[in-house]
Amino acid sequence: MRITDVRVRKVEGETRLKAVASITIEESFAVHELRIIEGNEGLFVAMPSRKTTEGTFRDIAHPINSEMRTQLEQVILAKYEEELQNAIEE
């Protein structure tokens, strides 16, 4: 499965949320609201989620295996770093 497009929108402010991303898979399926978060061990990508009636959050879209999660995270974080670099150069 190929990720054919990645779009990243940086979030301004002093929060752990650094950006929100959208991806397109195989030029056929889009996933929005992937969040790039600064965690205790660096940046990571959180899947789109919804708050349940119990007050917890549950992913509404997510990879089924660790290989796909790694691929998603690498592509999204690379695009985020590219956006940061472009902002510095401007």
C-alpha atoms as a PDB file:
ATOM      1  CA  MET A   1       0.000   0.000   0.000  1.00  0.00           C
ATOM      2  CA  ARG A   2       1.418   3.371  -1.010  1.00  0.00           C
ATOM      3  CA  ILE A   3       0.847   6.684   0.701  1.00  0.00           C
ATOM      4  CA  THR A   4       0.521   8.966  -2.305  1.00  0.00           C
ATOM      5  CA  ASP A   5       0.023  12.338  -0.604  1.00  0.00           C
ATOM      6  CA  VAL A   6       0.761  13.862   2.793  1.00  0.00           C
ATOM      7  CA  ARG A   7      -0.384  17.294   3.925  1.00  0.00           C
ATOM      8  CA  VAL A   8       0.700  18.852   7.198  1.00  0.00           C
ATOM      9  CA  ARG A   9      -0.749  21.922   8.912  1.00  0.00           C
ATOM     10  CA  LYS A  10       1.390  23.251  11.745  1.00  0.00           C
ATOM     11  CA  VAL A  11      -0.343  24.281  14.964  1.00  0.00           C
ATOM     12  CA  GLU A  12       0.914  27.469  16.596  1.00  0.00           C
ATOM     13  CA  GLY A  13       1.296  27.774  20.338  1.00  0.00           C
ATOM     14  CA  GLU A  14       3.030  26.153  23.246  1.00  0.00           C
ATOM     15  CA  THR A  15       1.220  22.826  23.323  1.00  0.00           C
ATOM     16  CA  ARG A  16       2.281  19.248  22.791  1.00  0.00           C
ATOM     17  CA  LEU A  17       0.214  19.213  19.583  1.00  0.00           C
ATOM     18  CA  LYS A  18       2.624  20.330  16.849  1.00  0.00           C
ATOM     19  CA  ALA A  19       0.654  19.700  13.659  1.00  0.00           C
ATOM     20  CA  VAL A  20      -2.316  17.976  12.071  1.00  0.00           C
ATOM     21  CA  ALA A  21      -1.840  15.793   8.999  1.00  0.00           C
ATOM     22  CA  SER A  22      -3.920  14.237   6.250  1.00  0.00           C
ATOM     23  CA  ILE A  23      -2.816  11.367   4.052  1.00  0.00           C
ATOM     24  CA  THR A  24      -4.042   9.848   0.815  1.00  0.00           C
ATOM     25  CA  ILE A  25      -3.548   6.141   0.221  1.00  0.00           C
ATOM     26  CA  GLU A  26      -3.181   4.816  -3.338  1.00  0.00           C
ATOM     27  CA  GLU A  27      -4.722   8.069  -4.633  1.00  0.00           C
ATOM     28  CA  SER A  28      -8.057   6.575  -3.522  1.00  0.00           C
ATOM     29  CA  PHE A  29      -8.612   6.872   0.227  1.00  0.00           C
ATOM     30  CA  ALA A  30      -8.020   9.857   2.533  1.00  0.00           C
ATOM     31  CA  VAL A  31      -7.477   9.894   6.284  1.00  0.00           C
ATOM     32  CA  HIS A  32      -7.671  13.254   8.074  1.00  0.00           C
ATOM     33  CA  GLU A  33      -6.879  14.494  11.581  1.00  0.00           C
ATOM     34  CA  LEU A  34      -3.708  12.514  12.247  1.00  0.00           C
ATOM     35  CA  ARG A  35      -1.996  14.467  15.016  1.00  0.00           C
ATOM     36  CA  ILE A  36       1.735  15.041  15.399  1.00  0.00           C
ATOM     37  CA  ILE A  37       2.430  15.225  19.123  1.00  0.00           C
ATOM     38  CA  GLU A  38       5.559  15.976  21.146  1.00  0.00           C
ATOM     39  CA  GLY A  39       5.798  13.095  23.593  1.00  0.00           C
ATOM     40  CA  ASN A  40       8.275  12.363  26.362  1.00  0.00           C
ATOM     41  CA  GLU A  41      10.456  10.429  23.914  1.00  0.00           C
ATOM     42  CA  GLY A  42      10.051  12.697  20.864  1.00  0.00           C
ATOM     43  CA  LEU A  43       7.487  13.194  18.147  1.00  0.00           C
ATOM     44  CA  PHE A  44       4.846  10.596  17.368  1.00  0.00           C
ATOM     45  CA  VAL A  45       1.719  10.361  15.224  1.00  0.00           C
ATOM     46  CA  ALA A  46      -1.630   9.844  16.949  1.00  0.00           C
ATOM     47  CA  MET A  47      -4.463   8.344  14.951  1.00  0.00           C
ATOM     48  CA  PRO A  48      -7.815  10.095  14.467  1.00  0.00           C
ATOM     49  CA  SER A  49     -10.017   9.416  17.474  1.00  0.00           C
ATOM     50  CA  ARG A  50     -13.413  10.122  18.956  1.00  0.00           C
ATOM     51  CA  LYS A  51     -14.448  10.617  22.574  1.00  0.00           C
ATOM     52  CA  THR A  52     -16.701   7.819  23.859  1.00  0.00           C
ATOM     53  CA  THR A  53     -19.663   8.236  26.166  1.00  0.00           C
ATOM     54  CA  GLU A  54     -17.416   6.991  28.992  1.00  0.00           C
ATOM     55  CA  GLY A  55     -15.072   9.926  28.401  1.00  0.00           C
ATOM     56  CA  THR A  56     -12.183   7.952  26.916  1.00  0.00           C
ATOM     57  CA  PHE A  57     -10.834   8.308  23.393  1.00  0.00           C
ATOM     58  CA  ARG A  58     -10.987   5.529  20.804  1.00  0.00           C
ATOM     59  CA  ASP A  59      -9.171   5.473  17.451  1.00  0.00           C
ATOM     60  CA  ILE A  60     -11.567   5.597  14.514  1.00  0.00           C
ATOM     61  CA  ALA A  61      -8.894   4.720  11.940  1.00  0.00           C
ATOM     62  CA  HIS A  62      -5.616   2.964  12.614  1.00  0.00           C
ATOM     63  CA  PRO A  63      -3.046   0.621  11.074  1.00  0.00           C
ATOM     64  CA  ILE A  64      -3.578  -3.070  11.731  1.00  0.00           C
ATOM     65  CA  ASN A  65       0.108  -3.970  12.061  1.00  0.00           C
ATOM     66  CA  SER A  66       3.299  -2.363  13.317  1.00  0.00           C
ATOM     67  CA  GLU A  67       4.892  -2.236   9.854  1.00  0.00           C
ATOM     68  CA  MET A  68       2.112  -0.021   8.520  1.00  0.00           C
ATOM     69  CA  ARG A  69       2.185   2.152  11.653  1.00  0.00           C
ATOM     70  CA  THR A  70       5.943   2.633  11.190  1.00  0.00           C
ATOM     71  CA  GLN A  71       5.519   3.492   7.501  1.00  0.00           C
ATOM     72  CA  LEU A  72       2.775   6.025   8.294  1.00  0.00           C
ATOM     73  CA  GLU A  73       4.790   7.637  11.054  1.00  0.00           C
ATOM     74  CA  GLN A  74       7.963   7.883   8.964  1.00  0.00           C
ATOM     75  CA  VAL A  75       6.219   9.482   5.991  1.00  0.00           C
ATOM     76  CA  ILE A  76       4.189  11.929   8.095  1.00  0.00           C
ATOM     77  CA  LEU A  77       7.101  12.988  10.316  1.00  0.00           C
ATOM     78  CA  ALA A  78       9.361  13.421   7.263  1.00  0.00           C
ATOM     79  CA  LYS A  79       6.788  15.770   5.726  1.00  0.00           C
ATOM     80  CA  TYR A  80       6.511  17.650   9.041  1.00  0.00           C
ATOM     81  CA  GLU A  81      10.305  18.102   9.181  1.00  0.00           C
ATOM     82  CA  GLU A  82      10.250  19.290   5.550  1.00  0.00           C
ATOM     83  CA  GLU A  83       7.586  21.875   6.425  1.00  0.00           C
ATOM     84  CA  LEU A  84       9.654  23.082   9.388  1.00  0.00           C
ATOM     85  CA  GLN A  85      12.731  23.401   7.170  1.00  0.00           C
ATOM     86  CA  ASN A  86      10.770  25.350   4.546  1.00  0.00           C
ATOM     87  CA  ALA A  87       9.503  27.741   7.222  1.00  0.00           C
ATOM     88  CA  ILE A  88      13.074  28.398   8.410  1.00  0.00           C
ATOM     89  CA  GLU A  89      14.260  29.109   4.850  1.00  0.00           C
ATOM     90  CA  GLU A  90      11.471  31.617   4.160  1.00  0.00           C
END
